Structure formats: structure tokens, C-alpha cells
């Protein structure tokens, strides 16, 4: 008799847990990004700027999805590689990004970041350009990648020289 009660109680608890699991709201990508996601996205941004500054065209293009788009006019891996190759390998500019904001979306995330390009050949080094990027990011089997990157110049600041 006690065994029968225990079996009935365990069965009841299993059903209760099943019902609770069905009704408890589930977390989705649109609601939250994990700490690891945020670290991985930050690393993606750093890898993007390090590879573009080094003229590593293939590695730079690999920060995008295979059908990724840069500035609405460069679409797909091969076009991205070719676009980056035109810049050469010995580049005098270095990208410095700051104020990255990452927001979860149903598809993955959107990012926004300020960027300055520093001319390292000038003495002292000087800011050559400043802009903002607005990005669409997706998580792939290779990790986080840019789906789209749109650069816009910051026209609110007038250079002093």
C-alpha cells in the first residue's frame, strides 16, 4: 500500500512539473543575450577592425555571413574580399571603436558603434575620419557574424584643420 501511494505521488509530481514547464515563459534570443554572446560579439568587432587594418581580406570577409552586406553596395563573401583587397596591405590608418551598444532582436542582435580612424603616419597621430556603424548580427554555426554593416559619417563635428 505505501508503495502504491509513493508511485501515485511521483506520477502526480511528474505531471505537475510537466504542466508548469509548459506554462512558464521561455527565454528567447529576442529577450536576452548571454554574457558569452556579448563577449563573442565584442570579439567579432575587434576581429573586424584588426583584420581590416592588417589588410587580411579573407579574414575580414569572414566576419560577415556568406551573404553579408557592407554599406548596401558590397554583397557576399567574394565581393567583400575584393573590396578589402583594393585597400592594400600597408595601411596607415587604424580603427578605434568605442561606445558599442548591442541589443537583442528576434533574428540575433543589432549593434551600434562609433569609430575613429587614426593616421599613425602623422606626427603626432591624428584622427583622419570618424563615423558610426549600425549593424545586424546573427549567430551562425561559426559564431556571431555581421549580416549587414552600414557606415554613416558623423557630420556634426567640424574638423579644426
Protein backbone atom coordinates (compact mmCIF):
# COMPACT_ATOMS: atom_id res chain seq x y z
CA UNK A 1 0.00 0.00 0.00
CA UNK A 2 2.71 2.61 0.84
CA UNK A 3 4.47 1.77 -2.44
CA UNK A 4 1.30 2.47 -4.37
CA UNK A 5 0.94 5.88 -2.69
CA UNK A 6 4.57 6.76 -3.48
CA UNK A 7 4.14 5.75 -7.13
CA UNK A 8 0.92 7.80 -7.34
CA UNK A 9 2.60 10.80 -5.68
CA UNK A 10 5.64 10.60 -8.02
CA UNK A 11 3.33 10.33 -11.04
CA UNK A 12 1.34 13.33 -9.84
CA UNK A 13 4.55 15.35 -9.36
CA UNK A 14 5.78 14.47 -12.85
CA UNK A 15 2.50 15.64 -14.37
CA UNK A 16 2.61 18.83 -12.27
CA UNK A 17 6.19 19.63 -13.34
CA UNK A 18 5.25 18.98 -16.97
CA UNK A 19 2.32 21.37 -16.79
CA UNK A 20 4.45 24.03 -15.06
CA UNK A 21 7.19 23.71 -17.68
CA UNK A 22 4.61 24.23 -20.43
CA UNK A 23 3.23 27.43 -18.89
CA UNK A 24 6.46 29.05 -17.63
CA UNK A 25 7.62 31.70 -20.12
CA UNK A 26 10.70 30.65 -22.06
CA UNK A 27 13.63 32.94 -22.77
CA UNK A 28 14.22 33.72 -26.45
CA UNK A 29 17.03 35.46 -28.31
CA UNK A 30 14.74 38.47 -28.67
CA UNK A 31 14.62 38.83 -24.90
CA UNK A 32 18.18 38.36 -23.83
CA UNK A 33 21.76 37.76 -24.85
CA UNK A 34 24.06 35.75 -22.62
CA UNK A 35 27.25 37.14 -21.21
CA UNK A 36 29.10 34.81 -23.58
CA UNK A 37 27.12 36.22 -26.53
CA UNK A 38 28.16 39.74 -25.55
CA UNK A 39 31.82 38.74 -25.19
CA UNK A 40 31.71 36.93 -28.55
CA UNK A 41 30.11 39.95 -30.24
CA UNK A 42 32.75 42.27 -28.77
CA UNK A 43 35.43 39.93 -30.12
CA UNK A 44 33.75 39.99 -33.54
CA UNK A 45 34.01 43.79 -33.62
CA UNK A 46 37.67 43.66 -32.58
CA UNK A 47 38.47 40.96 -35.15
CA UNK A 48 36.71 43.03 -37.84
CA UNK A 49 38.86 46.11 -37.15
CA UNK A 50 42.13 44.23 -36.65
CA UNK A 51 41.75 42.32 -39.92
CA UNK A 52 40.71 45.35 -41.97
CA UNK A 53 43.68 47.35 -40.63
CA UNK A 54 46.05 44.49 -41.45
CA UNK A 55 44.63 44.12 -44.97
CA UNK A 56 43.65 40.49 -44.24
CA UNK A 57 40.84 40.42 -46.78
CA UNK A 58 39.72 36.82 -46.34
CA UNK A 59 39.67 37.04 -42.54
CA UNK A 60 37.84 40.38 -42.73
CA UNK A 61 35.19 38.95 -45.09
CA UNK A 62 34.77 36.01 -42.71
CA UNK A 63 33.41 38.38 -40.05
CA UNK A 64 30.30 38.54 -42.26
CA UNK A 65 27.75 35.88 -43.13
CA UNK A 66 28.33 34.39 -46.63
CA UNK A 67 25.62 36.73 -47.97
CA UNK A 68 26.67 39.64 -45.76
CA UNK A 69 26.28 43.24 -46.92
CA UNK A 70 28.61 46.18 -46.32
CA UNK A 71 27.24 49.70 -46.93
CA UNK A 72 24.38 48.35 -49.09
CA UNK A 73 26.66 48.11 -52.14
CA UNK A 74 29.03 45.24 -51.33
CA UNK A 75 27.18 41.94 -51.04
CA UNK A 76 28.52 38.43 -50.50
CA UNK A 77 31.85 36.89 -49.50
CA UNK A 78 33.72 37.30 -52.79
CA UNK A 79 32.68 40.94 -53.23
CA UNK A 80 33.72 41.67 -49.64
CA UNK A 81 37.15 40.09 -50.18
CA UNK A 82 37.71 42.07 -53.39
CA UNK A 83 36.53 45.31 -51.80
CA UNK A 84 39.01 44.90 -48.96
CA UNK A 85 41.89 43.88 -51.26
CA UNK A 86 41.63 47.19 -53.09
CA UNK A 87 42.77 48.90 -49.88
CA UNK A 88 46.16 47.17 -49.95
CA UNK A 89 48.13 45.67 -47.07
CA UNK A 90 50.28 48.52 -45.67
CA UNK A 91 47.55 50.78 -44.40
CA UNK A 92 48.45 53.93 -42.47
CA UNK A 93 45.09 54.04 -40.64
CA UNK A 94 43.97 52.18 -37.52
CA UNK A 95 40.35 51.83 -36.46
CA UNK A 96 39.41 52.63 -32.87
CA UNK A 97 35.87 51.71 -31.89
CA UNK A 98 34.00 52.77 -28.79
CA UNK A 99 30.58 53.01 -27.18
CA UNK A 100 29.36 49.69 -28.57
CA UNK A 101 25.70 49.05 -27.85
CA UNK A 102 24.25 45.60 -28.54
CA UNK A 103 20.51 44.99 -28.44
CA UNK A 104 18.85 41.58 -28.81
CA UNK A 105 16.45 41.04 -31.73
CA UNK A 106 14.36 38.05 -32.81
CA UNK A 107 16.98 37.27 -35.51
CA UNK A 108 20.02 37.77 -33.26
CA UNK A 109 21.17 41.28 -32.36
CA UNK A 110 21.70 44.77 -33.61
CA UNK A 111 24.82 46.75 -32.86
CA UNK A 112 25.83 50.38 -32.99
CA UNK A 113 29.39 51.66 -32.55
CA UNK A 114 31.41 54.84 -33.02
CA UNK A 115 34.65 54.54 -34.99
CA UNK A 116 37.64 56.81 -35.45
CA UNK A 117 40.40 56.13 -37.94
CA UNK A 118 43.78 57.22 -36.63
CA UNK A 119 46.53 58.13 -39.11
CA UNK A 120 49.56 56.50 -37.50
CA UNK A 121 52.00 58.04 -40.01
CA UNK A 122 51.20 61.59 -38.86
CA UNK A 123 53.32 63.06 -36.05
CA UNK A 124 51.56 63.15 -33.68
CA UNK A 125 48.98 60.58 -34.80
CA UNK A 126 45.75 62.30 -35.85
CA UNK A 127 42.12 61.42 -36.30
CA UNK A 128 41.56 61.03 -40.04
CA UNK A 129 37.84 60.12 -40.01
CA UNK A 130 35.05 59.50 -37.56
CA UNK A 131 31.85 57.64 -38.20
CA UNK A 132 29.18 55.37 -36.84
CA UNK A 133 28.23 51.85 -37.86
CA UNK A 134 24.77 50.32 -37.47
CA UNK A 135 24.84 46.55 -37.74
CA UNK A 136 22.66 43.47 -37.94
CA UNK A 137 24.29 40.44 -36.29
CA UNK A 138 23.33 36.78 -36.43
CA UNK A 139 24.63 33.74 -34.60
CA UNK A 140 25.85 31.09 -37.02
CA UNK A 141 27.48 27.69 -36.57
CA UNK A 142 30.81 29.58 -36.83
CA UNK A 143 29.77 32.08 -34.14
CA UNK A 144 28.43 35.63 -34.37
CA UNK A 145 28.72 37.32 -37.77
CA UNK A 146 27.67 40.58 -39.39
CA UNK A 147 24.66 40.23 -41.66
CA UNK A 148 24.73 43.91 -42.55
CA UNK A 149 27.05 46.85 -41.72
CA UNK A 150 26.07 50.38 -42.61
CA UNK A 151 28.62 53.16 -42.11
CA UNK A 152 27.49 56.75 -41.77
CA UNK A 153 29.80 59.74 -41.44
CA UNK A 154 29.41 61.94 -38.41
CA UNK A 155 28.72 65.36 -39.92
CA UNK A 156 28.02 67.03 -36.59
CA UNK A 157 31.72 67.65 -35.90
CA UNK A 158 33.73 70.10 -38.00
CA UNK A 159 37.49 69.36 -38.16
CA UNK A 160 39.70 72.15 -36.83
CA UNK A 161 42.24 71.89 -39.63
